[in-house]
Amino acid sequence: MAQDSTTMELLLKKIEKLELENNALRQTLQDVGNWIPSYYGPELVFPDKYDGTRSECRGFINQLELIFKLHPKQYDSDFKMTAILGLLLKGRAAAWYNPFIEHPEEHEDLLNSWPLFKVEFRAAFGEADYQRAAETKLMYIKQGNQDCSTYATDFRILSMDAQWNDKALQFYFYQGLNPEIRNLLVNFNKPDSLKDLMKLAIRADDRIAAQRQEERCSSSNDADRFSPQPRSQQDSWTYDRPQIQSQTQSTTSASTPQYAESMDTGTIHRSSLSTSERQRRMSQGLCLVCGDSGHLKVDCPKSNRRIATRDYKIFQEQTPPKNEFGQ
């Protein structure tokens, strides 16, 4: 009897232990279920750790905002949001966050309020005035060594913060283009909008790049078909400097860019080059038109303008745009 009693007690203890483990498992499953997003959204991909670079602050905060909005149940408290931001800091930005962890009682109001914390974070690392910063950059942005499509994209990003009217944007976009593109644009009717000006500039840039490729690859005179050259100051596209005005204002708009073009009747005769002479000039980096150094054929002031004018018209009428920049 005593043995049976002992066995029964052991069984009861095992049953009790199993019930406790079962209850613990149920609680664990319930806790995990509360963290499952309300829908099967995209996999979480956090931004790179932020080091305090002022120009990157805005994008860093916006990326976190998207993650929090895509997974609202996973980030259901302001403290979780501020904590995630703290985990993604490094360098001087992480040093700025240290007091929040080491003395949380002194910063409880910020740690438990995502909107207030963002204000504090932007005050420390963000640009004070996005619009003014964008306007300053627009005044000095240049195409430089990048292709026109990349330049147009960078310009469009800045223009979204500047809120200038279209005439002012056209002026500064045109001023930032490389001279060889501006020289080619004067052969076309002046566009009515920034979007059309960007499209035309990209087409011109693509054509110049294609011609240079032809010059590098061709060993015959057939590559000598298209030769844009700079025009005189009186024969160029001109934009009046605009009075900067926001798109939201309804007062006097920026000055309308003026366009003036005159015909150059001068023509310089150019004889065909022999194959050996052409190869010599190409190998020594000399101009294929005049044989001088310091410029390419597209920039040669002695190019045959009649040939250039004819080919500009062919380009305008027959060449479709390769890379169009639009919204």
Protein backbone atom coordinates (compact mmCIF):
# COMPACT_ATOMS: atom_id res chain seq x y z
CA MET A 1 0.00 0.00 0.00
CA ALA A 2 2.77 2.40 0.91
CA GLN A 3 4.44 1.79 -2.43
CA ASP A 4 1.20 2.45 -4.32
CA SER A 5 0.72 5.69 -2.40
CA THR A 6 4.23 6.83 -3.28
CA THR A 7 3.71 6.04 -6.95
CA MET A 8 0.46 7.99 -6.97
CA GLU A 9 2.16 11.03 -5.47
CA LEU A 10 4.88 10.91 -8.11
CA LEU A 11 2.28 10.75 -10.88
CA LEU A 12 0.37 13.70 -9.46
CA LYS A 13 3.55 15.75 -9.29
CA LYS A 14 4.39 14.94 -12.91
CA ILE A 15 0.86 15.91 -13.98
CA GLU A 16 1.14 19.18 -12.08
CA LYS A 17 4.51 19.87 -13.69
CA LEU A 18 3.13 19.17 -17.17
CA GLU A 19 0.22 21.54 -16.53
CA LEU A 20 2.62 24.30 -15.53
CA GLU A 21 4.74 23.76 -18.65
CA ASN A 22 1.61 23.71 -20.80
CA ASN A 23 0.43 27.01 -19.35
CA ALA A 24 3.87 28.55 -19.92
CA LEU A 25 3.83 27.47 -23.54
CA ARG A 26 0.38 28.93 -24.04
CA GLN A 27 1.52 32.24 -22.61
CA THR A 28 4.60 32.25 -24.86
CA LEU A 29 2.53 31.59 -27.96
CA GLN A 30 0.15 34.39 -26.99
CA ASP A 31 3.03 36.85 -26.52
CA VAL A 32 4.52 35.91 -29.91
CA GLY A 33 1.15 36.32 -31.56
CA ASN A 34 0.92 39.89 -30.30
CA TRP A 35 4.13 40.72 -32.21
CA ILE A 36 2.93 39.34 -35.54
CA PRO A 37 2.14 42.21 -37.96
CA SER A 38 -1.46 42.74 -38.97
CA TYR A 39 -0.51 41.68 -42.50
CA TYR A 40 2.36 39.95 -44.21
CA GLY A 41 4.26 43.06 -45.14
CA PRO A 42 7.76 43.31 -46.58
CA GLU A 43 10.69 41.96 -44.65
CA LEU A 44 12.23 44.52 -42.33
CA VAL A 45 15.34 46.12 -43.80
CA PHE A 46 16.72 48.75 -41.48
CA PRO A 47 18.74 51.68 -42.82
CA ASP A 48 22.50 51.80 -42.30
CA LYS A 49 23.67 53.09 -38.96
CA TYR A 50 23.57 56.87 -38.81
CA ASP A 51 26.78 58.71 -37.82
CA GLY A 52 25.42 62.23 -37.46
CA THR A 53 25.97 63.50 -41.02
CA ARG A 54 23.65 66.48 -41.32
CA SER A 55 22.62 65.93 -44.94
CA GLU A 56 21.55 62.32 -44.20
CA CYS A 57 19.42 63.00 -41.12
CA ARG A 58 16.18 63.60 -42.98
CA GLY A 59 16.37 60.38 -45.02
CA PHE A 60 17.31 58.33 -41.95
CA ILE A 61 14.25 59.50 -39.97
CA ASN A 62 11.92 59.02 -42.95
CA GLN A 63 13.08 55.43 -43.48
CA LEU A 64 12.37 54.61 -39.84
CA GLU A 65 8.95 56.21 -40.14
CA LEU A 66 8.11 53.88 -43.02
CA ILE A 67 9.17 50.81 -41.04
CA PHE A 68 7.04 51.83 -38.07
CA LYS A 69 4.00 52.44 -40.29
CA LEU A 70 4.39 49.13 -42.14
CA HIS A 71 4.55 47.17 -38.87
CA PRO A 72 2.33 49.04 -36.40
CA LYS A 73 1.78 46.06 -34.07
CA GLN A 74 5.47 45.34 -33.78
CA TYR A 75 6.23 48.96 -32.93
CA ASP A 76 3.17 49.79 -30.86
CA SER A 77 4.81 52.15 -28.36
CA ASP A 78 6.83 55.32 -28.65
CA PHE A 79 9.57 53.85 -26.45
CA LYS A 80 10.13 51.00 -28.93
CA MET A 81 10.51 53.57 -31.73
CA THR A 82 13.06 55.70 -29.88
CA ALA A 83 14.93 52.54 -28.80
CA ILE A 84 15.20 51.28 -32.38
CA LEU A 85 16.59 54.63 -33.44
CA GLY A 86 19.17 54.41 -30.65
CA LEU A 87 20.29 50.96 -31.86
CA LEU A 88 20.94 52.38 -35.34
CA LEU A 89 23.33 55.14 -34.27
CA LYS A 90 27.11 55.23 -34.39
CA GLY A 91 29.93 57.71 -33.94
CA ARG A 92 28.97 61.09 -32.58
CA ALA A 93 25.28 60.32 -33.01
CA ALA A 94 25.63 57.33 -30.66
CA ALA A 95 27.55 59.54 -28.22
CA TRP A 96 24.65 62.00 -28.28
CA TYR A 97 22.22 59.16 -27.42
CA ASN A 98 24.25 57.77 -24.48
CA PRO A 99 22.75 60.08 -21.81
CA PHE A 100 19.26 58.87 -22.74
CA ILE A 101 20.25 55.32 -21.76
CA GLU A 102 22.48 56.14 -18.82
CA HIS A 103 20.00 58.57 -17.23
CA PRO A 104 16.55 57.58 -18.53
CA GLU A 105 14.76 59.22 -15.62
CA GLU A 106 15.98 62.62 -16.82
CA HIS A 107 14.76 62.06 -20.39
CA GLU A 108 11.59 60.07 -19.78
CA ASP A 109 9.40 62.61 -21.59
CA LEU A 110 11.46 62.30 -24.78
CA LEU A 111 11.99 58.53 -24.67
CA ASN A 112 8.26 57.96 -24.39
CA SER A 113 7.23 60.44 -27.09
CA TRP A 114 8.34 59.72 -30.65
CA PRO A 115 7.18 63.14 -32.00
CA LEU A 116 9.10 65.05 -29.30
CA PHE A 117 12.15 62.83 -29.73
CA LYS A 118 12.20 63.51 -33.50
CA VAL A 119 12.17 67.25 -32.86
CA GLU A 120 15.14 66.92 -30.50
CA PHE A 121 17.00 64.64 -32.90
CA ARG A 122 16.50 66.94 -35.89
CA ALA A 123 17.58 69.94 -33.83
CA ALA A 124 20.86 68.13 -33.10
CA PHE A 125 21.63 66.70 -36.56
CA GLY A 126 19.18 67.98 -39.19
CA GLU A 127 19.30 71.02 -41.43
CA ALA A 128 17.56 73.95 -39.81
CA ASP A 129 15.82 75.13 -42.98
CA TYR A 130 15.39 72.59 -45.78
CA GLN A 131 13.98 75.16 -48.18
CA ARG A 132 16.79 77.67 -47.79
CA ALA A 133 19.43 74.94 -48.00
CA ALA A 134 17.88 73.64 -51.23
CA GLU A 135 17.69 77.13 -52.73
CA THR A 136 21.37 77.75 -52.01
CA LYS A 137 22.38 74.45 -53.61
CA LEU A 138 20.26 75.17 -56.69
CA MET A 139 22.09 78.44 -57.27
CA TYR A 140 25.46 76.70 -57.50
CA ILE A 141 24.73 73.19 -58.78
CA LYS A 142 26.66 72.23 -61.94
CA GLN A 143 26.56 69.23 -64.26
CA GLY A 144 30.31 68.74 -64.18
CA ASN A 145 31.53 65.26 -65.10
CA GLN A 146 28.20 63.49 -64.57
CA ASP A 147 25.76 62.75 -67.37
CA CYS A 148 22.83 65.08 -67.91
CA SER A 149 20.27 62.55 -66.70
CA THR A 150 21.96 62.33 -63.27
CA TYR A 151 22.29 66.11 -63.12
CA ALA A 152 18.57 66.51 -63.93
CA THR A 153 17.62 64.04 -61.18
CA ASP A 154 19.72 65.84 -58.57
CA PHE A 155 18.27 69.17 -59.69
CA ARG A 156 14.69 67.88 -59.50
CA ILE A 157 15.23 66.58 -55.92
CA LEU A 158 16.45 69.99 -54.77
CA SER A 159 13.65 71.81 -56.61
CA MET A 160 11.00 69.91 -54.62
CA ASP A 161 12.21 71.59 -51.42
CA ALA A 162 12.95 75.01 -52.91
CA GLN A 163 9.37 75.61 -54.13
CA TRP A 164 10.50 78.06 -56.81
CA ASN A 165 8.37 78.85 -59.85
CA ASP A 166 9.16 77.09 -63.12
CA LYS A 167 10.87 80.06 -64.80
CA ALA A 168 13.39 80.39 -61.98
CA LEU A 169 14.11 76.65 -62.10
CA GLN A 170 14.66 76.80 -65.87
CA PHE A 171 17.20 79.59 -65.43
CA TYR A 172 19.36 77.77 -62.89
CA PHE A 173 19.10 74.38 -64.61
CA TYR A 174 20.29 75.95 -67.88
CA GLN A 175 23.15 77.77 -66.13
CA GLY A 176 24.36 74.51 -64.61
CA LEU A 177 24.58 72.62 -67.92
CA ASN A 178 27.97 72.01 -69.52
CA PRO A 179 28.84 74.59 -72.23
CA GLU A 180 28.84 72.04 -75.06
CA ILE A 181 25.21 71.14 -74.29
CA ARG A 182 24.18 74.80 -74.14
CA ASN A 183 25.85 75.35 -77.51
CA LEU A 184 23.77 72.56 -79.00
CA LEU A 185 20.50 73.68 -77.42
CA VAL A 186 20.52 77.05 -79.20
CA ASN A 187 19.59 75.25 -82.43
CA PHE A 188 16.17 74.30 -81.04
CA ASN A 189 13.12 76.24 -80.01
CA LYS A 190 13.33 77.23 -76.36
CA PRO A 191 11.21 74.87 -74.20
CA ASP A 192 8.24 76.21 -72.27
CA SER A 193 8.82 74.23 -69.06
CA LEU A 194 11.57 72.80 -66.90
CA LYS A 195 10.44 69.27 -67.76
CA ASP A 196 10.79 69.91 -71.51
CA LEU A 197 14.14 71.64 -71.01
CA MET A 198 15.44 68.60 -69.11
CA LYS A 199 14.26 66.24 -71.86
CA LEU A 200 15.97 68.28 -74.56
CA ALA A 201 19.20 68.61 -72.59
CA ILE A 202 19.33 64.85 -71.99
CA ARG A 203 18.82 64.21 -75.71
CA ALA A 204 21.65 66.62 -76.56
CA ASP A 205 23.95 65.02 -73.98
CA ASP A 206 23.23 61.53 -75.33
CA ARG A 207 23.95 62.67 -78.90
CA ILE A 208 27.28 64.24 -77.91
CA ALA A 209 28.27 61.07 -76.04
CA ALA A 210 27.33 58.94 -79.07
CA GLN A 211 29.37 61.13 -81.40
CA ARG A 212 32.43 60.84 -79.17
CA GLN A 213 32.03 57.08 -79.18
CA GLU A 214 31.87 57.14 -82.97
CA GLU A 215 35.06 59.18 -83.14
CA ARG A 216 36.89 56.68 -80.95
CA CYS A 217 35.72 53.66 -82.94
CA SER A 218 35.62 54.91 -86.52
CA SER A 219 38.62 54.86 -88.85
CA SER A 220 36.88 56.46 -91.82
CA ASN A 221 35.53 59.91 -92.67
CA ASP A 222 31.95 58.73 -92.17
CA ALA A 223 32.20 59.67 -88.51
CA ASP A 224 32.67 63.28 -89.54
CA ARG A 225 28.97 63.84 -90.18
CA PHE A 226 27.88 65.65 -87.03
CA SER A 227 29.98 68.52 -85.73
CA PRO A 228 28.37 70.94 -83.24
CA GLN A 229 30.46 74.00 -82.45
CA PRO A 230 30.16 76.92 -80.04
CA ARG A 231 28.39 80.02 -81.24
CA SER A 232 29.23 83.62 -80.56
CA GLN A 233 27.82 85.38 -77.52
CA GLN A 234 25.30 87.21 -79.67
CA ASP A 235 24.14 83.93 -81.20
CA SER A 236 23.45 81.98 -77.99
CA TRP A 237 20.45 81.06 -75.90
CA THR A 238 20.02 83.60 -73.12
CA TYR A 239 17.98 83.55 -69.91
CA ASP A 240 17.39 86.65 -67.85
CA ARG A 241 18.19 86.15 -64.18
CA PRO A 242 14.80 85.58 -62.52
CA GLN A 243 13.34 87.16 -59.43
CA ILE A 244 13.11 84.19 -57.08
CA GLN A 245 9.51 83.48 -56.15
CA SER A 246 7.80 80.53 -54.52
CA GLN A 247 5.22 78.54 -56.48
CA THR A 248 2.69 79.27 -53.74
CA GLN A 249 2.92 83.03 -54.29
CA SER A 250 0.51 84.69 -56.67
CA THR A 251 2.38 87.97 -57.11
CA THR A 252 4.66 88.96 -59.99
CA SER A 253 6.37 85.90 -61.45
CA ALA A 254 10.04 85.63 -62.40
CA SER A 255 11.18 87.38 -65.52
CA THR A 256 10.45 85.43 -68.67
CA PRO A 257 13.68 84.11 -70.19
CA GLN A 258 14.44 85.80 -73.47
CA TYR A 259 15.79 83.95 -76.46
CA ALA A 260 17.67 85.45 -79.36
CA GLU A 261 19.26 83.68 -82.29
CA SER A 262 20.89 84.95 -85.44
CA MET A 263 22.18 83.13 -88.51
CA ASP A 264 25.91 82.81 -89.11
CA THR A 265 26.50 82.99 -92.85
CA GLY A 266 30.23 82.37 -92.66
CA THR A 267 31.46 79.02 -93.94
CA ILE A 268 34.98 77.59 -93.66
CA HIS A 269 35.91 75.04 -96.28
CA ARG A 270 37.28 71.81 -94.91
CA SER A 271 39.09 69.18 -96.99
CA SER A 272 38.85 65.46 -96.29
CA LEU A 273 41.57 63.93 -94.15
CA SER A 274 43.55 60.90 -95.25
CA THR A 275 43.26 57.79 -93.12
CA SER A 276 46.83 58.14 -91.83
CA GLU A 277 46.38 61.83 -90.95
CA ARG A 278 43.10 61.15 -89.18
CA GLN A 279 44.68 58.36 -87.12
CA ARG A 280 47.64 60.60 -86.26
CA ARG A 281 45.38 63.37 -84.96
CA MET A 282 43.25 60.93 -82.95
CA SER A 283 46.31 59.27 -81.36
CA GLN A 284 47.78 62.66 -80.39
CA GLY A 285 44.47 64.09 -79.15
CA LEU A 286 44.34 66.77 -81.85
CA CYS A 287 41.23 68.34 -83.33
CA LEU A 288 39.96 66.46 -86.41
CA VAL A 289 38.91 69.76 -88.04
CA CYS A 290 41.85 72.16 -87.67
CA GLY A 291 44.58 69.91 -86.26
CA ASP A 292 45.19 72.09 -83.20
CA SER A 293 45.38 70.82 -79.63
CA GLY A 294 43.35 71.96 -76.62
CA HIS A 295 39.87 71.12 -77.90
CA LEU A 296 37.83 68.41 -79.60
CA LYS A 297 36.02 68.58 -82.93
CA VAL A 298 32.72 69.40 -81.20
CA ASP A 299 34.32 72.56 -79.75
CA CYS A 300 36.31 73.64 -82.81
CA PRO A 301 35.47 77.22 -83.85
CA LYS A 302 36.50 76.45 -87.43
CA SER A 303 33.86 73.78 -88.07
CA ASN A 304 31.71 74.00 -91.20
CA ARG A 305 28.53 75.65 -89.94
CA ARG A 306 26.42 74.59 -92.92
CA ILE A 307 27.13 70.93 -92.21
CA ALA A 308 26.42 71.44 -88.51
CA THR A 309 23.17 73.28 -89.18
CA ARG A 310 21.97 70.55 -91.54
CA ASP A 311 22.72 67.81 -89.05
CA TYR A 312 21.14 69.70 -86.16
CA LYS A 313 17.89 69.68 -88.14
CA ILE A 314 18.22 65.95 -88.82
CA PHE A 315 18.84 65.38 -85.13
CA GLN A 316 15.86 67.51 -84.11
CA GLU A 317 13.42 65.86 -86.52
CA GLN A 318 14.54 62.24 -86.50
CA THR A 319 16.35 61.42 -83.26
CA PRO A 320 13.96 60.10 -80.56
CA PRO A 321 14.81 60.82 -76.92
CA LYS A 322 16.82 58.05 -75.25
CA ASN A 323 16.50 59.07 -71.62
CA GLU A 324 13.55 61.25 -70.73
CA PHE A 325 13.35 62.76 -67.30
CA GLY A 326 9.78 63.15 -66.12
CA GLN A 327 7.68 62.91 -62.99
